[in-house]
Amino acid sequence: MERENRTLEYKADLTKTYLKTVSAYANYGTGKIKFGITDDGKCIGVDNPVETVLALENQINDNIIPNPSFQFSIGMDNVITLEVQRGHNTPYCYHNKAYKRNDSSTTEVDSIEFKNLVLRGTNQTFTEIPWTNPNPDQDLTFQSFEKHFRDRFGIDPEYPQTMITLEVYSKEEGYTNCGAMLSDQCPFPGIDIVIYNDSHRLIKNRIRLEKMSVLEMIDRTMDLFPQQYFYEAVRGIQRETVELIPLLAFREVLINAIVYREWQINSSIRIEMDPHSVTVLSPGGLPDGITEADYLSNQHLSILRNKTLALVFLKLGYIENLGSGIPFVLDQYRQSVKKPEFIVKENSIGITLPALQQQPDLSGDEMKLYQLIKMYQPVSSTELLNVSGLSRSKQLALLNTLTEKKHIEKTGNGRSTKYHIPS
């Protein structure tokens, strides 16, 4: 018997608590409720299933507003299956509350998710609705937007025609939230950059980017990045700029954090920089309709939480193809031993980009020993002998060679000597 999950729930009794799950499926995704099965999967059936179906149908129609689309079926074992279809007229409420599924449990949505359900029911996103200006006497300016528009198209934008074309302004309702984000007075939370020393205990610098266009926030962050992760190296007679962390990967992560963040959360995008990595944390969990498995599957998935902002970025050249962000970032690390790490939480999404570490050019036995050290580190020579299949003399010679080439490091002396891959 399949265990309960996000799209399947079992009910041994006929209390009205199942109506919360009906709300959840109608709001977020088609699912099934099976009546007459215990939580541990034992089939007990339902007495008088035909009459029970009629009663359940009346309960749904009387308690879920608006009425969702659903259907019943009765199995040979007297198990009733209720399948609820995801609807378009969200939010679907039970006792004026909307619900969602978290794995095998049903919980009430918070105020921000409820607002998003309301917007989805009107086929809108937060960036599309009119901006509520707390100071009607203050005019918005767009110097940063104008610069990027000229760089992209070679001409100046025309007001209000350009803004109407981009769907960030209307003569009847003024600027949308997206229009306010593009303005030089962006009223929404911006970017908080923290630069740490090597230990993460001391903050070397902190920079808050706010009350400026999201385009200006991107420019200033990108100007700061090379100062932290670029250095000059002499190779032969040439002096070259070396990127510890790929600039293009960071730019992609930064833009995705802005485009896909939950703007209704009163929290800034947080960027943490240290000598070995950079982490970008964006407020808001995964967009509705994307699971963590979908997000991490390296597929070209794109469900737009902020449709208008994404399309403006697309037209300005900040985004080349919607949904290509993660594959692009991973491609920048295809030759690196260290890979990006993805952080997926209920209220935030993050990516850590490590410093590039190229796979060393080693012989067969050298690579074999290198990979074993990487797997078991820190590891002693005796422990390596148990798994390497090499003779003691050959392993010692390889360890000395790898150490001299600085592919591995050793600590301790005598029997306490350990080997590890340098960070």
Protein backbone atom coordinates (compact mmCIF):
# COMPACT_ATOMS: atom_id res chain seq x y z
CA MET A 1 0.00 0.00 0.00
CA GLU A 2 1.40 3.41 -1.00
CA ARG A 3 2.18 5.62 1.97
CA GLU A 4 0.46 8.98 2.47
CA ASN A 5 2.14 11.83 0.64
CA ARG A 6 1.53 15.26 -0.84
CA THR A 7 -1.13 13.98 -3.26
CA LEU A 8 -2.61 11.09 -1.24
CA GLU A 9 -4.37 11.01 2.12
CA TYR A 10 -6.09 8.16 3.98
CA LYS A 11 -9.16 8.56 6.20
CA ALA A 12 -10.46 5.85 8.51
CA ASP A 13 -13.25 8.07 9.90
CA LEU A 14 -15.66 10.52 8.28
CA THR A 15 -15.01 13.68 10.30
CA LYS A 16 -14.96 16.97 8.42
CA THR A 17 -11.21 17.45 8.81
CA TYR A 18 -10.77 16.03 5.29
CA LEU A 19 -12.29 19.27 3.96
CA LYS A 20 -8.99 21.02 4.75
CA THR A 21 -7.27 18.64 2.35
CA VAL A 22 -9.96 19.27 -0.28
CA SER A 23 -9.08 22.98 0.02
CA ALA A 24 -5.37 22.17 -0.30
CA TYR A 25 -5.77 20.08 -3.46
CA ALA A 26 -8.07 22.62 -5.09
CA ASN A 27 -5.59 25.40 -4.32
CA TYR A 28 -2.28 23.75 -5.16
CA GLY A 29 -2.57 20.49 -7.04
CA THR A 30 -4.78 17.54 -7.87
CA GLY A 31 -4.84 14.85 -5.19
CA LYS A 32 -6.80 11.93 -3.78
CA ILE A 33 -8.41 11.13 -0.43
CA LYS A 34 -9.23 7.48 0.23
CA PHE A 35 -11.93 6.83 2.84
CA GLY A 36 -11.89 3.47 4.59
CA ILE A 37 -8.11 3.13 4.97
CA THR A 38 -6.23 3.70 8.23
CA ASP A 39 -3.11 5.87 8.50
CA ASP A 40 -0.93 2.77 8.47
CA GLY A 41 -2.51 1.56 5.20
CA LYS A 42 -4.94 -1.03 6.55
CA CYS A 43 -8.10 -1.37 4.42
CA ILE A 44 -11.29 -1.38 6.56
CA GLY A 45 -13.82 -0.10 4.02
CA VAL A 46 -16.83 2.16 4.58
CA ASP A 47 -20.33 1.14 5.63
CA ASN A 48 -23.07 2.17 3.18
CA PRO A 49 -20.63 3.66 0.64
CA VAL A 50 -23.31 4.96 -1.74
CA GLU A 51 -25.03 6.97 1.00
CA THR A 52 -21.64 8.09 2.31
CA VAL A 53 -20.62 9.46 -1.09
CA LEU A 54 -23.80 11.55 -1.22
CA ALA A 55 -23.13 12.93 2.28
CA LEU A 56 -19.50 13.77 1.43
CA GLU A 57 -20.56 15.49 -1.78
CA ASN A 58 -23.02 17.67 0.11
CA GLN A 59 -20.36 18.53 2.70
CA ILE A 60 -17.93 19.70 0.02
CA ASN A 61 -20.55 21.79 -1.78
CA ASP A 62 -21.74 23.33 1.50
CA ASN A 63 -18.33 24.08 3.03
CA ILE A 64 -15.74 24.77 0.29
CA ILE A 65 -16.07 28.21 -1.31
CA PRO A 66 -15.95 28.45 -4.27
CA ASN A 67 -16.98 24.88 -5.14
CA PRO A 68 -14.04 22.84 -6.49
CA SER A 69 -14.11 20.22 -9.21
CA PHE A 70 -14.10 16.66 -7.82
CA GLN A 71 -15.32 13.13 -8.41
CA PHE A 72 -15.95 9.98 -6.38
CA SER A 73 -15.43 6.32 -7.09
CA ILE A 74 -16.22 3.22 -4.99
CA GLY A 75 -13.91 0.21 -5.01
CA MET A 76 -14.78 -3.46 -4.58
CA ASP A 77 -13.44 -3.27 -1.02
CA ASN A 78 -15.87 -0.44 -0.17
CA VAL A 79 -13.07 2.09 -0.18
CA ILE A 80 -14.23 5.50 -1.43
CA THR A 81 -11.77 7.50 -3.51
CA LEU A 82 -12.28 11.26 -3.75
CA GLU A 83 -10.19 12.98 -6.42
CA VAL A 84 -10.03 16.78 -6.24
CA GLN A 85 -8.83 18.78 -9.24
CA ARG A 86 -6.66 21.86 -8.96
CA GLY A 87 -8.81 24.88 -9.69
CA HIS A 88 -8.33 28.31 -11.23
CA ASN A 89 -10.64 30.34 -8.96
CA THR A 90 -8.34 30.41 -5.93
CA PRO A 91 -8.45 30.66 -2.99
CA TYR A 92 -10.67 27.67 -2.21
CA CYS A 93 -11.53 28.11 1.45
CA TYR A 94 -12.90 25.99 4.27
CA HIS A 95 -14.34 28.15 7.07
CA ASN A 96 -12.72 31.22 5.42
CA LYS A 97 -9.26 29.65 5.55
CA ALA A 98 -7.13 28.23 2.74
CA TYR A 99 -4.92 25.16 3.12
CA LYS A 100 -1.92 23.48 1.49
CA ARG A 101 -0.20 20.09 1.68
CA ASN A 102 3.24 19.66 3.25
CA ASP A 103 4.23 16.09 2.45
CA SER A 104 1.55 14.03 4.26
CA SER A 105 0.11 16.83 6.42
CA THR A 106 -2.36 19.62 5.68
CA THR A 107 -1.68 23.11 7.06
CA GLU A 108 -3.24 26.54 6.81
CA VAL A 109 -1.48 28.94 4.44
CA ASP A 110 0.05 32.10 5.85
CA SER A 111 -1.10 35.60 4.97
CA ILE A 112 1.39 36.03 2.10
CA GLU A 113 0.43 32.74 0.48
CA PHE A 114 -3.24 33.65 0.88
CA LYS A 115 -2.63 36.93 -0.96
CA ASN A 116 -0.85 35.04 -3.73
CA LEU A 117 -3.81 32.68 -4.06
CA VAL A 118 -6.09 35.70 -4.41
CA LEU A 119 -3.80 37.13 -7.11
CA ARG A 120 -3.65 33.79 -8.91
CA GLY A 121 -7.43 33.64 -8.89
CA THR A 122 -7.44 36.90 -10.87
CA ASN A 123 -4.56 35.69 -13.12
CA GLN A 124 -2.12 38.23 -11.66
CA THR A 125 1.18 38.25 -9.79
CA PHE A 126 2.40 40.75 -7.20
CA THR A 127 4.52 42.64 -9.70
CA GLU A 128 1.48 43.26 -11.92
CA ILE A 129 -0.86 44.91 -9.44
CA PRO A 130 -0.93 48.72 -8.96
CA TRP A 131 1.63 50.14 -6.57
CA THR A 132 0.13 51.86 -3.55
CA ASN A 133 2.10 55.09 -3.29
CA PRO A 134 2.24 56.31 0.34
CA ASN A 135 3.33 59.74 -0.90
CA PRO A 136 1.26 60.79 -3.94
CA ASP A 137 3.24 64.05 -4.20
CA GLN A 138 6.49 62.16 -4.89
CA ASP A 139 7.20 61.45 -8.53
CA LEU A 140 9.17 58.35 -9.46
CA THR A 141 12.32 58.80 -11.53
CA PHE A 142 13.99 56.23 -13.79
CA GLN A 143 17.59 57.30 -14.46
CA SER A 144 19.00 53.80 -13.96
CA PHE A 145 16.30 52.26 -16.16
CA GLU A 146 16.94 54.86 -18.86
CA LYS A 147 20.67 54.03 -18.89
CA HIS A 148 20.03 50.31 -19.31
CA PHE A 149 17.34 50.95 -21.93
CA ARG A 150 19.78 53.06 -23.98
CA ASP A 151 22.51 50.45 -23.64
CA ARG A 152 20.12 47.79 -24.88
CA PHE A 153 18.24 49.57 -27.66
CA GLY A 154 20.36 52.63 -28.50
CA ILE A 155 17.48 55.07 -27.92
CA ASP A 156 15.88 56.84 -24.97
CA PRO A 157 12.62 55.48 -23.56
CA GLU A 158 9.49 57.54 -24.17
CA TYR A 159 7.12 58.27 -21.32
CA PRO A 160 4.56 56.98 -20.73
CA GLN A 161 4.52 54.91 -23.95
CA THR A 162 7.54 52.72 -23.08
CA MET A 163 6.22 51.97 -19.60
CA ILE A 164 2.79 51.12 -20.98
CA THR A 165 4.38 48.79 -23.53
CA LEU A 166 6.35 47.06 -20.74
CA GLU A 167 3.06 46.76 -18.79
CA VAL A 168 4.44 48.54 -15.73
CA TYR A 169 2.21 51.61 -16.03
CA SER A 170 -1.35 52.48 -16.97
CA LYS A 171 -2.98 55.90 -17.26
CA GLU A 172 -5.86 54.75 -15.08
CA GLU A 173 -3.96 53.19 -12.15
CA GLY A 174 -0.40 54.53 -12.45
CA TYR A 175 2.68 52.39 -11.88
CA THR A 176 2.53 48.74 -10.93
CA ASN A 177 4.71 47.25 -8.21
CA CYS A 178 7.12 46.27 -10.97
CA GLY A 179 7.29 49.88 -12.12
CA ALA A 180 8.15 50.96 -8.57
CA MET A 181 10.90 48.30 -8.43
CA LEU A 182 12.47 49.71 -11.60
CA SER A 183 12.34 53.28 -10.28
CA ASP A 184 15.24 55.06 -8.56
CA GLN A 185 13.12 55.11 -5.39
CA CYS A 186 12.35 51.37 -5.20
CA PRO A 187 10.29 51.09 -1.99
CA PHE A 188 10.77 47.35 -1.49
CA PRO A 189 13.53 45.54 0.46
CA GLY A 190 16.81 45.46 -1.43
CA ILE A 191 20.10 43.59 -1.03
CA ASP A 192 22.13 43.12 2.16
CA ILE A 193 25.77 42.21 1.45
CA VAL A 194 27.95 40.86 4.28
CA ILE A 195 31.67 40.29 3.70
CA TYR A 196 33.29 37.96 6.23
CA ASN A 197 36.85 37.16 7.11
CA ASP A 198 38.08 33.60 6.76
CA SER A 199 36.37 32.32 9.92
CA HIS A 200 32.88 33.81 9.42
CA ARG A 201 33.11 35.23 12.94
CA LEU A 202 34.21 38.73 11.96
CA ILE A 203 32.43 40.98 9.48
CA LYS A 204 34.89 42.94 7.35
CA ASN A 205 32.24 45.04 5.64
CA ARG A 206 28.49 45.34 5.29
CA ILE A 207 26.69 47.07 2.44
CA ARG A 208 22.94 47.67 2.20
CA LEU A 209 21.51 48.47 -1.20
CA GLU A 210 18.04 49.98 -0.94
CA LYS A 211 15.94 52.94 -2.09
CA MET A 212 17.36 52.52 -5.58
CA SER A 213 16.33 50.73 -8.77
CA VAL A 214 16.74 46.95 -8.77
CA LEU A 215 18.89 47.55 -11.86
CA GLU A 216 21.21 49.79 -9.84
CA MET A 217 21.35 47.14 -7.09
CA ILE A 218 22.58 44.62 -9.66
CA ASP A 219 25.18 47.03 -11.05
CA ARG A 220 26.64 47.85 -7.64
CA THR A 221 26.74 44.23 -6.54
CA MET A 222 28.46 43.20 -9.76
CA ASP A 223 31.01 46.02 -9.32
CA LEU A 224 31.83 44.70 -5.85
CA PHE A 225 32.23 41.06 -6.89
CA PRO A 226 35.59 41.33 -8.74
CA GLN A 227 37.14 43.06 -5.74
CA GLN A 228 36.51 39.93 -3.70
CA TYR A 229 37.06 37.10 -6.19
CA PHE A 230 39.40 38.30 -8.97
CA TYR A 231 43.19 38.32 -8.74
CA GLU A 232 46.09 38.89 -11.10
CA ALA A 233 48.37 35.97 -12.01
CA VAL A 234 51.52 35.89 -14.17
CA ARG A 235 51.64 32.98 -16.59
CA GLY A 236 54.78 33.00 -18.64
CA ILE A 237 55.18 36.60 -19.74
CA GLN A 238 51.44 37.30 -19.63
CA ARG A 239 49.52 38.81 -16.72
CA GLU A 240 46.01 37.40 -16.56
CA THR A 241 42.92 38.02 -14.46
CA VAL A 242 41.81 34.87 -12.68
CA GLU A 243 38.27 34.35 -11.37
CA LEU A 244 38.12 32.41 -8.11
CA ILE A 245 34.35 32.18 -8.59
CA PRO A 246 32.82 32.49 -12.08
CA LEU A 247 31.43 35.98 -12.58
CA LEU A 248 28.74 34.77 -14.99
CA ALA A 249 27.52 32.14 -12.53
CA PHE A 250 27.21 34.75 -9.77
CA ARG A 251 25.38 37.16 -12.11
CA GLU A 252 22.87 34.44 -12.99
CA VAL A 253 22.28 33.58 -9.33
CA LEU A 254 21.87 37.25 -8.40
CA ILE A 255 19.35 37.99 -11.15
CA ASN A 256 17.37 34.84 -10.35
CA ALA A 257 17.25 35.91 -6.70
CA ILE A 258 15.63 39.20 -7.72
CA VAL A 259 13.29 37.82 -10.35
CA TYR A 260 12.03 34.82 -8.35
CA ARG A 261 12.04 36.21 -4.81
CA GLU A 262 8.84 36.69 -2.82
CA TRP A 263 8.53 40.47 -2.84
CA GLN A 264 5.73 40.53 -0.27
CA ILE A 265 8.12 39.31 2.43
CA ASN A 266 9.65 42.30 4.21
CA SER A 267 13.19 40.93 4.01
CA SER A 268 16.23 41.69 1.88
CA ILE A 269 18.13 39.37 -0.42
CA ARG A 270 21.19 38.39 1.62
CA ILE A 271 24.60 37.88 0.04
CA GLU A 272 27.35 36.40 2.20
CA MET A 273 30.91 36.64 0.86
CA ASP A 274 34.00 34.96 2.29
CA PRO A 275 37.36 34.12 0.70
CA HIS A 276 36.22 30.65 -0.37
CA SER A 277 32.57 31.05 -1.42
CA VAL A 278 29.60 33.33 -1.94
CA THR A 279 26.06 32.52 -0.83
CA VAL A 280 22.92 34.23 -2.15
CA LEU A 281 19.74 33.78 -0.08
CA SER A 282 16.44 34.92 -1.56
CA PRO A 283 13.26 35.46 0.53
CA GLY A 284 10.40 33.08 -0.21
CA GLY A 285 10.28 29.35 -0.80
CA LEU A 286 9.80 27.63 -4.13
CA PRO A 287 7.15 29.06 -6.46
CA ASP A 288 3.80 27.31 -6.47
CA GLY A 289 3.95 24.28 -8.72
CA ILE A 290 7.67 23.47 -8.32
CA THR A 291 8.81 20.79 -5.87
CA GLU A 292 12.30 20.61 -4.42
CA ALA A 293 12.99 17.61 -6.64
CA ASP A 294 11.90 19.63 -9.70
CA TYR A 295 14.12 22.53 -8.68
CA LEU A 296 17.20 20.36 -8.17
CA SER A 297 16.65 18.15 -11.22
CA ASN A 298 18.70 20.39 -13.54
CA GLN A 299 15.74 20.74 -15.88
CA HIS A 300 14.73 23.93 -17.71
CA LEU A 301 11.82 24.66 -15.38
CA SER A 302 10.41 28.14 -15.02
CA ILE A 303 7.24 29.04 -13.17
CA LEU A 304 7.15 32.81 -12.93
CA ARG A 305 6.38 34.19 -9.48
CA ASN A 306 6.97 37.74 -10.80
CA LYS A 307 5.93 37.54 -14.43
CA THR A 308 6.19 41.21 -15.38
CA LEU A 309 9.60 41.71 -13.77
CA ALA A 310 10.93 38.59 -15.49
CA LEU A 311 9.71 39.81 -18.89
CA VAL A 312 11.26 43.26 -18.38
CA PHE A 313 14.58 41.62 -17.50
CA LEU A 314 14.23 39.44 -20.59
CA LYS A 315 13.73 42.48 -22.83
CA LEU A 316 16.63 44.36 -21.23
CA GLY A 317 18.94 41.40 -21.82
CA TYR A 318 19.42 40.41 -18.17
CA ILE A 319 17.87 37.04 -18.92
CA GLU A 320 18.52 35.10 -22.11
CA ASN A 321 16.15 32.16 -21.65
CA LEU A 322 13.61 31.74 -18.88
CA GLY A 323 14.28 28.62 -16.83
CA SER A 324 17.93 28.22 -17.87
CA GLY A 325 19.48 29.55 -14.63
CA ILE A 326 20.48 26.38 -12.76
CA PRO A 327 21.74 24.50 -15.86
CA PHE A 328 23.81 27.57 -16.79
CA VAL A 329 25.34 27.84 -13.30
CA LEU A 330 26.19 24.13 -13.18
CA ASP A 331 27.78 24.38 -16.61
CA GLN A 332 30.18 27.01 -15.26
CA TYR A 333 31.39 24.41 -12.75
CA ARG A 334 31.58 21.38 -15.04
CA GLN A 335 35.42 21.24 -14.80
CA SER A 336 35.52 22.01 -11.07
CA VAL A 337 35.90 19.45 -8.29
CA LYS A 338 33.75 21.60 -6.02
CA LYS A 339 30.17 22.19 -7.15
CA PRO A 340 27.45 24.69 -6.18
CA GLU A 341 25.29 23.81 -3.18
CA PHE A 342 21.55 24.48 -3.23
CA ILE A 343 19.62 25.55 -0.12
CA VAL A 344 15.86 24.98 -0.26
CA LYS A 345 13.80 25.96 2.79
CA GLU A 346 10.16 26.79 3.35
CA ASN A 347 10.74 30.55 3.41
CA SER A 348 13.98 30.99 1.46
CA ILE A 349 16.04 29.63 -1.40
CA GLY A 350 19.80 29.90 -1.61
CA ILE A 351 22.81 28.89 -3.66
CA THR A 352 26.42 28.72 -2.48
CA LEU A 353 29.04 29.13 -5.19
CA PRO A 354 32.42 27.76 -4.08
CA ALA A 355 35.80 28.80 -5.37
CA LEU A 356 36.68 26.81 -8.47
CA GLN A 357 38.90 23.80 -7.91
CA GLN A 358 40.08 22.13 -11.06
CA GLN A 359 40.43 18.36 -11.27
CA PRO A 360 44.19 17.66 -11.12
CA ASP A 361 45.90 16.05 -14.10
CA LEU A 362 47.02 12.77 -12.54
CA SER A 363 48.03 9.29 -13.63
CA GLY A 364 45.75 6.32 -12.99
CA ASP A 365 47.18 5.30 -9.58
CA GLU A 366 47.63 8.93 -8.55
CA MET A 367 43.99 9.69 -9.36
CA LYS A 368 42.85 6.54 -7.57
CA LEU A 369 44.70 7.55 -4.40
CA TYR A 370 43.56 11.17 -4.72
CA GLN A 371 39.90 10.11 -4.92
CA LEU A 372 40.29 7.79 -1.91
CA ILE A 373 41.78 10.60 0.15
CA LYS A 374 38.95 12.88 -0.94
CA MET A 375 36.40 10.24 0.10
CA TYR A 376 37.85 9.32 3.51
CA GLN A 377 39.71 12.49 4.53
CA PRO A 378 41.39 13.02 6.89
CA VAL A 379 42.86 9.56 6.45
CA SER A 380 46.06 7.80 7.55
CA SER A 381 48.39 5.83 5.26
CA THR A 382 47.41 2.61 7.08
CA GLU A 383 43.72 3.29 6.44
CA LEU A 384 44.50 3.97 2.79
CA LEU A 385 46.38 0.66 2.46
CA ASN A 386 43.21 -1.18 3.49
CA VAL A 387 41.30 0.23 0.50
CA SER A 388 43.86 1.21 -2.13
CA GLY A 389 45.12 -2.25 -3.10
CA LEU A 390 48.62 -0.78 -3.52
CA SER A 391 51.85 -1.96 -1.97
CA ARG A 392 53.12 0.05 0.98
CA SER A 393 56.19 1.29 -0.95
CA LYS A 394 54.21 2.34 -4.03
CA GLN A 395 51.55 4.08 -1.94
CA LEU A 396 54.24 5.98 -0.01
CA ALA A 397 55.87 7.12 -3.26
CA LEU A 398 52.48 8.30 -4.62
CA LEU A 399 51.67 10.13 -1.38
CA ASN A 400 55.00 11.96 -1.53
CA THR A 401 54.42 12.89 -5.18
CA LEU A 402 50.89 14.18 -4.53
CA THR A 403 52.13 16.17 -1.55
CA GLU A 404 54.97 17.73 -3.55
CA LYS A 405 52.51 18.74 -6.29
CA LYS A 406 50.29 20.28 -3.57
CA HIS A 407 47.32 18.15 -4.63
CA ILE A 408 47.11 16.81 -1.06
CA GLU A 409 48.29 18.00 2.34
CA LYS A 410 49.42 16.10 5.40
CA THR A 411 49.17 16.97 9.07
CA GLY A 412 50.71 15.40 12.15
CA ASN A 413 53.79 13.21 12.47
CA GLY A 414 54.54 9.50 12.65
CA ARG A 415 51.52 7.32 13.22
CA SER A 416 49.31 10.39 13.66
CA THR A 417 49.98 11.59 10.11
CA LYS A 418 46.77 12.27 8.16
CA TYR A 419 46.18 13.23 4.54
CA HIS A 420 43.47 15.52 3.13
CA ILE A 421 42.58 17.57 0.07
CA PRO A 422 43.51 21.26 0.54
CA SER A 423 40.56 23.62 0.74
